[in-house]
Structure formats: structure tokens, C-alpha cells
Amino acid sequence: MITHVRIVHTNMLKEMFIEQSALTVRRYFMSEKMPKFEIYKDAAGKFRFRLKAPNGEIIASGEAYESKDGCKNGIASIKENAPKAEIVDTTQ
């Protein structure tokens, strides 16, 4: 019977460790350590977004949108298309 209790106890510890590890991972990804898109309203009341680096620096900003949904669609388009985007240097 004591062995059975130890097994249950060990399993409980494993489950607690897994739950704690998952919580730690969620906290990390929800913290300031990740880049993030921020939606805000400009002085004219239009919706805009900015992309902030993990250090808080603004690294990109979007155009003005009439609606929040339009702004969210703009963010979705950036997320979908940017990884495939070609860099074209028009300064030459």
C-alpha cells in the first residue's frame, strides 16, 4: 500500500510540475519579452497599429483605419505576407 501511495504521490508531483511548467511558458510568452502589435487611436480618432520590439522600441507602424476590425485585418495581412516579402531597394 505504501508503494501505491508513493506512485500516486509521484504522479501528482509530475502533474504539478507539468502544470507549473506550462504556466511559466504562458507567462513568458505573455510578458514584455515578445514583440507585439498595439492598436491605438490617433488624434483624429482613427485606428492605427504599431509593432513594438521586445525592448519596447517601435519598429513599424500602420496606416489609419476607420474601424478596429480594419486595423486588425491590416495586422493579419502583415503577419501573413511579411515572412514572404521580397526586399526591393529603390534607392539605386
PDB file of N, CA and C in Angstrom:
ATOM      1  N   MET A   1       0.816  -1.196   0.000  1.00  0.00           N
ATOM      2  CA  MET A   1       0.000   0.000   0.000  1.00  0.00           C
ATOM      3  C   MET A   1       0.857   1.255   0.000  1.00  0.00           C
ATOM      4  N   ILE A   2       1.945   1.260   0.703  1.00  0.00           N
ATOM      5  CA  ILE A   2       2.815   2.433   0.745  1.00  0.00           C
ATOM      6  C   ILE A   2       3.391   2.693  -0.647  1.00  0.00           C
ATOM      7  N   THR A   3       3.751   1.646  -1.368  1.00  0.00           N
ATOM      8  CA  THR A   3       4.270   1.809  -2.725  1.00  0.00           C
ATOM      9  C   THR A   3       3.244   2.483  -3.618  1.00  0.00           C
ATOM     10  N   HIS A   4       1.987   2.068  -3.474  1.00  0.00           N
ATOM     11  CA  HIS A   4       0.911   2.663  -4.262  1.00  0.00           C
ATOM     12  C   HIS A   4       0.777   4.154  -3.944  1.00  0.00           C
ATOM     13  N   VAL A   5       0.869   4.509  -2.708  1.00  0.00           N
ATOM     14  CA  VAL A   5       0.794   5.917  -2.304  1.00  0.00           C
ATOM     15  C   VAL A   5       1.963   6.692  -2.899  1.00  0.00           C
ATOM     16  N   ARG A   6       3.134   6.114  -2.896  1.00  0.00           N
ATOM     17  CA  ARG A   6       4.297   6.777  -3.487  1.00  0.00           C
ATOM     18  C   ARG A   6       4.103   6.994  -4.981  1.00  0.00           C
ATOM     19  N   ILE A   7       3.545   6.024  -5.672  1.00  0.00           N
ATOM     20  CA  ILE A   7       3.301   6.163  -7.108  1.00  0.00           C
ATOM     21  C   ILE A   7       2.304   7.291  -7.357  1.00  0.00           C
ATOM     22  N   VAL A   8       1.230   7.299  -6.603  1.00  0.00           N
ATOM     23  CA  VAL A   8       0.232   8.361  -6.747  1.00  0.00           C
ATOM     24  C   VAL A   8       0.882   9.702  -6.441  1.00  0.00           C
ATOM     25  N   HIS A   9       1.656   9.747  -5.371  1.00  0.00           N
ATOM     26  CA  HIS A   9       2.326  10.987  -4.991  1.00  0.00           C
ATOM     27  C   HIS A   9       3.292  11.433  -6.084  1.00  0.00           C
ATOM     28  N   THR A  10       4.041  10.504  -6.658  1.00  0.00           N
ATOM     29  CA  THR A  10       4.972  10.827  -7.737  1.00  0.00           C
ATOM     30  C   THR A  10       4.215  11.343  -8.945  1.00  0.00           C
ATOM     31  N   ASN A  11       3.112  10.712  -9.286  1.00  0.00           N
ATOM     32  CA  ASN A  11       2.305  11.176 -10.410  1.00  0.00           C
ATOM     33  C   ASN A  11       1.743  12.567 -10.145  1.00  0.00           C
ATOM     34  N   MET A  12       1.324  12.807  -8.903  1.00  0.00           N
ATOM     35  CA  MET A  12       0.812  14.137  -8.562  1.00  0.00           C
ATOM     36  C   MET A  12       1.921  15.176  -8.716  1.00  0.00           C
ATOM     37  N   LEU A  13       3.134  14.847  -8.286  1.00  0.00           N
ATOM     38  CA  LEU A  13       4.253  15.771  -8.430  1.00  0.00           C
ATOM     39  C   LEU A  13       4.557  16.034  -9.902  1.00  0.00           C
ATOM     40  N   LYS A  14       4.505  14.970 -10.711  1.00  0.00           N
ATOM     41  CA  LYS A  14       4.744  15.136 -12.137  1.00  0.00           C
ATOM     42  C   LYS A  14       3.689  16.055 -12.748  1.00  0.00           C
ATOM     43  N   GLU A  15       2.424  15.827 -12.402  1.00  0.00           N
ATOM     44  CA  GLU A  15       1.348  16.665 -12.923  1.00  0.00           C
ATOM     45  C   GLU A  15       1.516  18.108 -12.465  1.00  0.00           C
ATOM     46  N   MET A  16       1.880  18.307 -11.200  1.00  0.00           N
ATOM     47  CA  MET A  16       2.084  19.658 -10.692  1.00  0.00           C
ATOM     48  C   MET A  16       3.240  20.327 -11.426  1.00  0.00           C
ATOM     49  N   PHE A  17       4.313  19.575 -11.691  1.00  0.00           N
ATOM     50  CA  PHE A  17       5.470  20.125 -12.405  1.00  0.00           C
ATOM     51  C   PHE A  17       5.073  20.518 -13.826  1.00  0.00           C
ATOM     52  N   ILE A  18       4.328  19.661 -14.498  1.00  0.00           N
ATOM     53  CA  ILE A  18       3.888  19.953 -15.866  1.00  0.00           C
ATOM     54  C   ILE A  18       2.994  21.185 -15.887  1.00  0.00           C
ATOM     55  N   GLU A  19       2.041  21.266 -14.954  1.00  0.00           N
ATOM     56  CA  GLU A  19       1.158  22.430 -14.885  1.00  0.00           C
ATOM     57  C   GLU A  19       1.958  23.700 -14.605  1.00  0.00           C
ATOM     58  N   GLN A  20       2.905  23.621 -13.690  1.00  0.00           N
ATOM     59  CA  GLN A  20       3.734  24.782 -13.364  1.00  0.00           C
ATOM     60  C   GLN A  20       4.594  25.184 -14.561  1.00  0.00           C
ATOM     61  N   SER A  21       5.138  24.197 -15.283  1.00  0.00           N
ATOM     62  CA  SER A  21       5.945  24.494 -16.462  1.00  0.00           C
ATOM     63  C   SER A  21       5.104  25.176 -17.535  1.00  0.00           C
ATOM     64  N   ALA A  22       3.896  24.692 -17.756  1.00  0.00           N
ATOM     65  CA  ALA A  22       3.004  25.301 -18.746  1.00  0.00           C
ATOM     66  C   ALA A  22       2.664  26.733 -18.355  1.00  0.00           C
ATOM     67  N   LEU A  23       2.429  26.969 -17.085  1.00  0.00           N
ATOM     68  CA  LEU A  23       2.138  28.314 -16.603  1.00  0.00           C
ATOM     69  C   LEU A  23       3.326  29.236 -16.821  1.00  0.00           C
ATOM     70  N   THR A  24       4.525  28.741 -16.555  1.00  0.00           N
ATOM     71  CA  THR A  24       5.742  29.537 -16.762  1.00  0.00           C
ATOM     72  C   THR A  24       5.897  29.896 -18.229  1.00  0.00           C
ATOM     73  N   VAL A  25       5.668  28.955 -19.128  1.00  0.00           N
ATOM     74  CA  VAL A  25       5.769  29.212 -20.560  1.00  0.00           C
ATOM     75  C   VAL A  25       4.734  30.249 -20.975  1.00  0.00           C
ATOM     76  N   ARG A  26       3.487  30.113 -20.510  1.00  0.00           N
ATOM     77  CA  ARG A  26       2.446  31.097 -20.836  1.00  0.00           C
ATOM     78  C   ARG A  26       2.829  32.480 -20.343  1.00  0.00           C
ATOM     79  N   ARG A  27       3.337  32.570 -19.131  1.00  0.00           N
ATOM     80  CA  ARG A  27       3.747  33.867 -18.586  1.00  0.00           C
ATOM     81  C   ARG A  27       4.853  34.485 -19.427  1.00  0.00           C
ATOM     82  N   TYR A  28       5.805  33.668 -19.860  1.00  0.00           N
ATOM     83  CA  TYR A  28       6.913  34.177 -20.675  1.00  0.00           C
ATOM     84  C   TYR A  28       6.383  34.767 -21.975  1.00  0.00           C
ATOM     85  N   PHE A  29       5.514  34.003 -22.661  1.00  0.00           N
ATOM     86  CA  PHE A  29       5.028  34.467 -23.953  1.00  0.00           C
ATOM     87  C   PHE A  29       4.046  35.624 -23.826  1.00  0.00           C
ATOM     88  N   MET A  30       3.468  35.841 -22.666  1.00  0.00           N
ATOM     89  CA  MET A  30       2.559  36.959 -22.469  1.00  0.00           C
ATOM     90  C   MET A  30       3.281  38.163 -21.865  1.00  0.00           C
ATOM     91  N   SER A  31       4.550  38.030 -21.601  1.00  0.00           N
ATOM     92  CA  SER A  31       5.298  39.110 -20.967  1.00  0.00           C
ATOM     93  C   SER A  31       5.806  40.096 -22.004  1.00  0.00           C
ATOM     94  N   GLU A  32       6.554  41.062 -21.555  1.00  0.00           N
ATOM     95  CA  GLU A  32       7.132  42.081 -22.419  1.00  0.00           C
ATOM     96  C   GLU A  32       8.291  41.540 -23.247  1.00  0.00           C
ATOM     97  N   LYS A  33       8.637  40.288 -23.103  1.00  0.00           N
ATOM     98  CA  LYS A  33       9.791  39.724 -23.783  1.00  0.00           C
ATOM     99  C   LYS A  33       9.497  39.347 -25.238  1.00  0.00           C
ATOM    100  N   MET A  34       8.304  39.566 -25.709  1.00  0.00           N
ATOM    101  CA  MET A  34       7.927  39.211 -27.070  1.00  0.00           C
ATOM    102  C   MET A  34       7.543  40.474 -27.833  1.00  0.00           C
ATOM    103  N   PRO A  35       7.787  40.499 -29.151  1.00  0.00           N
ATOM    104  CA  PRO A  35       7.280  41.624 -29.931  1.00  0.00           C
ATOM    105  C   PRO A  35       5.762  41.610 -29.887  1.00  0.00           C
ATOM    106  N   LYS A  36       5.155  42.774 -30.085  1.00  0.00           N
ATOM    107  CA  LYS A  36       3.693  42.811 -30.027  1.00  0.00           C
ATOM    108  C   LYS A  36       3.157  43.923 -30.907  1.00  0.00           C
ATOM    109  N   PHE A  37       1.963  43.692 -31.420  1.00  0.00           N
ATOM    110  CA  PHE A  37       1.223  44.719 -32.132  1.00  0.00           C
ATOM    111  C   PHE A  37       0.332  45.429 -31.121  1.00  0.00           C
ATOM    112  N   GLU A  38       0.356  46.743 -31.144  1.00  0.00           N
ATOM    113  CA  GLU A  38      -0.531  47.545 -30.307  1.00  0.00           C
ATOM    114  C   GLU A  38      -1.497  48.294 -31.213  1.00  0.00           C
ATOM    115  N   ILE A  39      -2.768  48.244 -30.873  1.00  0.00           N
ATOM    116  CA  ILE A  39      -3.793  49.010 -31.584  1.00  0.00           C
ATOM    117  C   ILE A  39      -4.093  50.236 -30.736  1.00  0.00           C
ATOM    118  N   TYR A  40      -4.151  51.394 -31.389  1.00  0.00           N
ATOM    119  CA  TYR A  40      -4.445  52.627 -30.660  1.00  0.00           C
ATOM    120  C   TYR A  40      -5.223  53.575 -31.574  1.00  0.00           C
ATOM    121  N   LYS A  41      -5.771  54.637 -30.993  1.00  0.00           N
ATOM    122  CA  LYS A  41      -6.450  55.669 -31.764  1.00  0.00           C
ATOM    123  C   LYS A  41      -5.543  56.885 -31.861  1.00  0.00           C
ATOM    124  N   ASP A  42      -5.465  57.455 -33.065  1.00  0.00           N
ATOM    125  CA  ASP A  42      -4.658  58.651 -33.248  1.00  0.00           C
ATOM    126  C   ASP A  42      -5.477  59.899 -32.884  1.00  0.00           C
ATOM    127  N   ALA A  43      -4.895  61.068 -33.067  1.00  0.00           N
ATOM    128  CA  ALA A  43      -5.550  62.325 -32.686  1.00  0.00           C
ATOM    129  C   ALA A  43      -6.841  62.562 -33.468  1.00  0.00           C
ATOM    130  N   ALA A  44      -6.935  61.996 -34.674  1.00  0.00           N
ATOM    131  CA  ALA A  44      -8.135  62.160 -35.496  1.00  0.00           C
ATOM    132  C   ALA A  44      -9.199  61.102 -35.193  1.00  0.00           C
ATOM    133  N   GLY A  45      -8.912  60.220 -34.230  1.00  0.00           N
ATOM    134  CA  GLY A  45      -9.873  59.182 -33.862  1.00  0.00           C
ATOM    135  C   GLY A  45      -9.829  57.949 -34.744  1.00  0.00           C
ATOM    136  N   LYS A  46      -8.825  57.850 -35.596  1.00  0.00           N
ATOM    137  CA  LYS A  46      -8.664  56.678 -36.467  1.00  0.00           C
ATOM    138  C   LYS A  46      -7.874  55.595 -35.738  1.00  0.00           C
ATOM    139  N   PHE A  47      -8.115  54.362 -36.143  1.00  0.00           N
ATOM    140  CA  PHE A  47      -7.403  53.230 -35.550  1.00  0.00           C
ATOM    141  C   PHE A  47      -6.082  53.018 -36.284  1.00  0.00           C
ATOM    142  N   ARG A  48      -5.044  52.793 -35.523  1.00  0.00           N
ATOM    143  CA  ARG A  48      -3.714  52.518 -36.064  1.00  0.00           C
ATOM    144  C   ARG A  48      -3.090  51.385 -35.260  1.00  0.00           C
ATOM    145  N   PHE A  49      -2.031  50.804 -35.833  1.00  0.00           N
ATOM    146  CA  PHE A  49      -1.265  49.816 -35.083  1.00  0.00           C
ATOM    147  C   PHE A  49       0.207  50.161 -35.164  1.00  0.00           C
ATOM    148  N   ARG A  50       0.924  49.705 -34.188  1.00  0.00           N
ATOM    149  CA  ARG A  50       2.386  49.798 -34.193  1.00  0.00           C
ATOM    150  C   ARG A  50       2.923  48.456 -33.722  1.00  0.00           C
ATOM    151  N   LEU A  51       4.056  48.085 -34.275  1.00  0.00           N
ATOM    152  CA  LEU A  51       4.730  46.855 -33.873  1.00  0.00           C
ATOM    153  C   LEU A  51       5.885  47.252 -32.976  1.00  0.00           C
ATOM    154  N   LYS A  52       5.893  46.708 -31.771  1.00  0.00           N
ATOM    155  CA  LYS A  52       6.951  47.018 -30.809  1.00  0.00           C
ATOM    156  C   LYS A  52       7.873  45.820 -30.630  1.00  0.00           C
ATOM    157  N   ALA A  53       9.163  46.111 -30.597  1.00  0.00           N
ATOM    158  CA  ALA A  53      10.182  45.094 -30.339  1.00  0.00           C
ATOM    159  C   ALA A  53      10.134  44.709 -28.859  1.00  0.00           C
ATOM    160  N   PRO A  54      10.786  43.615 -28.488  1.00  0.00           N
ATOM    161  CA  PRO A  54      10.799  43.212 -27.074  1.00  0.00           C
ATOM    162  C   PRO A  54      11.315  44.291 -26.126  1.00  0.00           C
ATOM    163  N   ASN A  55      12.171  45.192 -26.615  1.00  0.00           N
ATOM    164  CA  ASN A  55      12.685  46.258 -25.746  1.00  0.00           C
ATOM    165  C   ASN A  55      11.764  47.477 -25.694  1.00  0.00           C
ATOM    166  N   GLY A  56      10.608  47.402 -26.375  1.00  0.00           N
ATOM    167  CA  GLY A  56       9.631  48.484 -26.342  1.00  0.00           C
ATOM    168  C   GLY A  56       9.766  49.482 -27.483  1.00  0.00           C
ATOM    169  N   GLU A  57      10.816  49.362 -28.283  1.00  0.00           N
ATOM    170  CA  GLU A  57      11.025  50.279 -29.402  1.00  0.00           C
ATOM    171  C   GLU A  57      10.013  50.005 -30.508  1.00  0.00           C
ATOM    172  N   ILE A  58       9.437  51.057 -31.078  1.00  0.00           N
ATOM    173  CA  ILE A  58       8.508  50.916 -32.201  1.00  0.00           C
ATOM    174  C   ILE A  58       9.337  50.627 -33.449  1.00  0.00           C
ATOM    175  N   ILE A  59       9.036  49.497 -34.095  1.00  0.00           N
ATOM    176  CA  ILE A  59       9.802  49.106 -35.272  1.00  0.00           C
ATOM    177  C   ILE A  59       8.969  49.170 -36.555  1.00  0.00           C
ATOM    178  N   ALA A  60       7.668  49.354 -36.440  1.00  0.00           N
ATOM    179  CA  ALA A  60       6.804  49.521 -37.608  1.00  0.00           C
ATOM    180  C   ALA A  60       5.484  50.125 -37.149  1.00  0.00           C
ATOM    181  N   SER A  61       4.839  50.839 -38.061  1.00  0.00           N
ATOM    182  CA  SER A  61       3.512  51.379 -37.748  1.00  0.00           C
ATOM    183  C   SER A  61       2.650  51.302 -38.997  1.00  0.00           C
ATOM    184  N   GLY A  62       1.361  51.241 -38.777  1.00  0.00           N
ATOM    185  CA  GLY A  62       0.421  51.077 -39.879  1.00  0.00           C
ATOM    186  C   GLY A  62      -0.312  52.361 -40.211  1.00  0.00           C
ATOM    187  N   GLU A  63      -1.057  52.305 -41.311  1.00  0.00           N
ATOM    188  CA  GLU A  63      -1.856  53.434 -41.759  1.00  0.00           C
ATOM    189  C   GLU A  63      -3.083  53.603 -40.864  1.00  0.00           C
ATOM    190  N   ALA A  64      -3.861  54.644 -41.127  1.00  0.00           N
ATOM    191  CA  ALA A  64      -5.086  54.903 -40.363  1.00  0.00           C
ATOM    192  C   ALA A  64      -6.237  54.064 -40.928  1.00  0.00           C
ATOM    193  N   TYR A  65      -7.020  53.497 -40.038  1.00  0.00           N
ATOM    194  CA  TYR A  65      -8.181  52.690 -40.406  1.00  0.00           C
ATOM    195  C   TYR A  65      -9.421  53.298 -39.766  1.00  0.00           C
ATOM    196  N   GLU A  66     -10.547  53.191 -40.449  1.00  0.00           N
ATOM    197  CA  GLU A  66     -11.820  53.702 -39.929  1.00  0.00           C
ATOM    198  C   GLU A  66     -12.342  52.849 -38.775  1.00  0.00           C
ATOM    199  N   SER A  67     -12.066  51.538 -38.824  1.00  0.00           N
ATOM    200  CA  SER A  67     -12.604  50.636 -37.805  1.00  0.00           C
ATOM    201  C   SER A  67     -11.494  49.806 -37.166  1.00  0.00           C
ATOM    202  N   LYS A  68     -11.780  49.306 -35.976  1.00  0.00           N
ATOM    203  CA  LYS A  68     -10.831  48.425 -35.290  1.00  0.00           C
ATOM    204  C   LYS A  68     -10.668  47.124 -36.075  1.00  0.00           C
ATOM    205  N   ASP A  69     -11.776  46.619 -36.630  1.00  0.00           N
ATOM    206  CA  ASP A  69     -11.687  45.385 -37.425  1.00  0.00           C
ATOM    207  C   ASP A  69     -10.785  45.575 -38.640  1.00  0.00           C
ATOM    208  N   GLY A  70     -10.872  46.737 -39.278  1.00  0.00           N
ATOM    209  CA  GLY A  70      -9.988  47.032 -40.402  1.00  0.00           C
ATOM    210  C   GLY A  70      -8.537  47.037 -39.969  1.00  0.00           C
ATOM    211  N   CYS A  71      -8.272  47.603 -38.799  1.00  0.00           N
ATOM    212  CA  CYS A  71      -6.923  47.636 -38.250  1.00  0.00           C
ATOM    213  C   CYS A  71      -6.430  46.220 -37.959  1.00  0.00           C
ATOM    214  N   LYS A  72      -7.279  45.401 -37.373  1.00  0.00           N
ATOM    215  CA  LYS A  72      -6.912  44.009 -37.095  1.00  0.00           C
ATOM    216  C   LYS A  72      -6.633  43.247 -38.387  1.00  0.00           C
ATOM    217  N   ASN A  73      -7.418  43.540 -39.440  1.00  0.00           N
ATOM    218  CA  ASN A  73      -7.173  42.901 -40.737  1.00  0.00           C
ATOM    219  C   ASN A  73      -5.818  43.331 -41.302  1.00  0.00           C
ATOM    220  N   GLY A  74      -5.450  44.596 -41.106  1.00  0.00           N
ATOM    221  CA  GLY A  74      -4.137  45.076 -41.527  1.00  0.00           C
ATOM    222  C   GLY A  74      -3.013  44.326 -40.834  1.00  0.00           C
ATOM    223  N   ILE A  75      -3.177  44.116 -39.529  1.00  0.00           N
ATOM    224  CA  ILE A  75      -2.181  43.345 -38.761  1.00  0.00           C
ATOM    225  C   ILE A  75      -2.095  41.915 -39.298  1.00  0.00           C
ATOM    226  N   ALA A  76      -3.254  41.317 -39.533  1.00  0.00           N
ATOM    227  CA  ALA A  76      -3.273  39.936 -40.049  1.00  0.00           C
ATOM    228  C   ALA A  76      -2.570  39.857 -41.406  1.00  0.00           C
ATOM    229  N   SER A  77      -2.770  40.861 -42.252  1.00  0.00           N
ATOM    230  CA  SER A  77      -2.122  40.884 -43.556  1.00  0.00           C
ATOM    231  C   SER A  77      -0.606  40.985 -43.421  1.00  0.00           C
ATOM    232  N   ILE A  78      -0.142  41.834 -42.505  1.00  0.00           N
ATOM    233  CA  ILE A  78       1.295  41.957 -42.261  1.00  0.00           C
ATOM    234  C   ILE A  78       1.866  40.619 -41.791  1.00  0.00           C
ATOM    235  N   LYS A  79       1.183  39.993 -40.837  1.00  0.00           N
ATOM    236  CA  LYS A  79       1.675  38.725 -40.294  1.00  0.00           C
ATOM    237  C   LYS A  79       1.730  37.638 -41.372  1.00  0.00           C
ATOM    238  N   GLU A  80       0.768  37.663 -42.277  1.00  0.00           N
ATOM    239  CA  GLU A  80       0.724  36.646 -43.329  1.00  0.00           C
ATOM    240  C   GLU A  80       1.734  36.923 -44.441  1.00  0.00           C
ATOM    241  N   ASN A  81       1.837  38.172 -44.859  1.00  0.00           N
ATOM    242  CA  ASN A  81       2.628  38.497 -46.047  1.00  0.00           C
ATOM    243  C   ASN A  81       4.086  38.846 -45.770  1.00  0.00           C
ATOM    244  N   ALA A  82       4.401  39.398 -44.610  1.00  0.00           N
ATOM    245  CA  ALA A  82       5.771  39.845 -44.335  1.00  0.00           C
ATOM    246  C   ALA A  82       6.805  38.720 -44.417  1.00  0.00           C
ATOM    247  N   PRO A  83       6.521  37.524 -43.915  1.00  0.00           N
ATOM    248  CA  PRO A  83       7.549  36.474 -43.995  1.00  0.00           C
ATOM    249  C   PRO A  83       7.940  36.115 -45.434  1.00  0.00           C
ATOM    250  N   LYS A  84       7.043  36.383 -46.400  1.00  0.00           N
ATOM    251  CA  LYS A  84       7.306  36.045 -47.798  1.00  0.00           C
ATOM    252  C   LYS A  84       7.775  37.247 -48.606  1.00  0.00           C
ATOM    253  N   ALA A  85       7.791  38.424 -47.975  1.00  0.00           N
ATOM    254  CA  ALA A  85       8.050  39.665 -48.722  1.00  0.00           C
ATOM    255  C   ALA A  85       9.492  39.748 -49.212  1.00  0.00           C
ATOM    256  N   GLU A  86       9.616  40.231 -50.436  1.00  0.00           N
ATOM    257  CA  GLU A  86      10.920  40.479 -51.048  1.00  0.00           C
ATOM    258  C   GLU A  86      11.368  41.885 -50.653  1.00  0.00           C
ATOM    259  N   ILE A  87      12.654  42.075 -50.457  1.00  0.00           N
ATOM    260  CA  ILE A  87      13.194  43.403 -50.173  1.00  0.00           C
ATOM    261  C   ILE A  87      13.597  44.014 -51.511  1.00  0.00           C
ATOM    262  N   VAL A  88      13.015  45.186 -51.813  1.00  0.00           N
ATOM    263  CA  VAL A  88      13.321  45.894 -53.058  1.00  0.00           C
ATOM    264  C   VAL A  88      13.933  47.234 -52.681  1.00  0.00           C
ATOM    265  N   ASP A  89      15.170  47.450 -53.119  1.00  0.00           N
ATOM    266  CA  ASP A  89      15.881  48.688 -52.832  1.00  0.00           C
ATOM    267  C   ASP A  89      15.658  49.659 -53.986  1.00  0.00           C
ATOM    268  N   THR A  90      14.865  50.699 -53.754  1.00  0.00           N
ATOM    269  CA  THR A  90      14.567  51.674 -54.804  1.00  0.00           C
ATOM    270  C   THR A  90      15.485  52.883 -54.758  1.00  0.00           C
ATOM    271  N   THR A  91      16.537  52.832 -53.934  1.00  0.00           N
ATOM    272  CA  THR A  91      17.441  53.963 -53.808  1.00  0.00           C
ATOM    273  C   THR A  91      18.555  53.936 -54.847  1.00  0.00           C
ATOM    274  N   GLN A  92      18.624  52.891 -55.633  1.00  0.00           N
ATOM    275  CA  GLN A  92      19.719  52.770 -56.614  1.00  0.00           C
ATOM    276  C   GLN A  92      19.244  53.103 -58.009  1.00  0.00           C
TER     277      GLN A  92
END
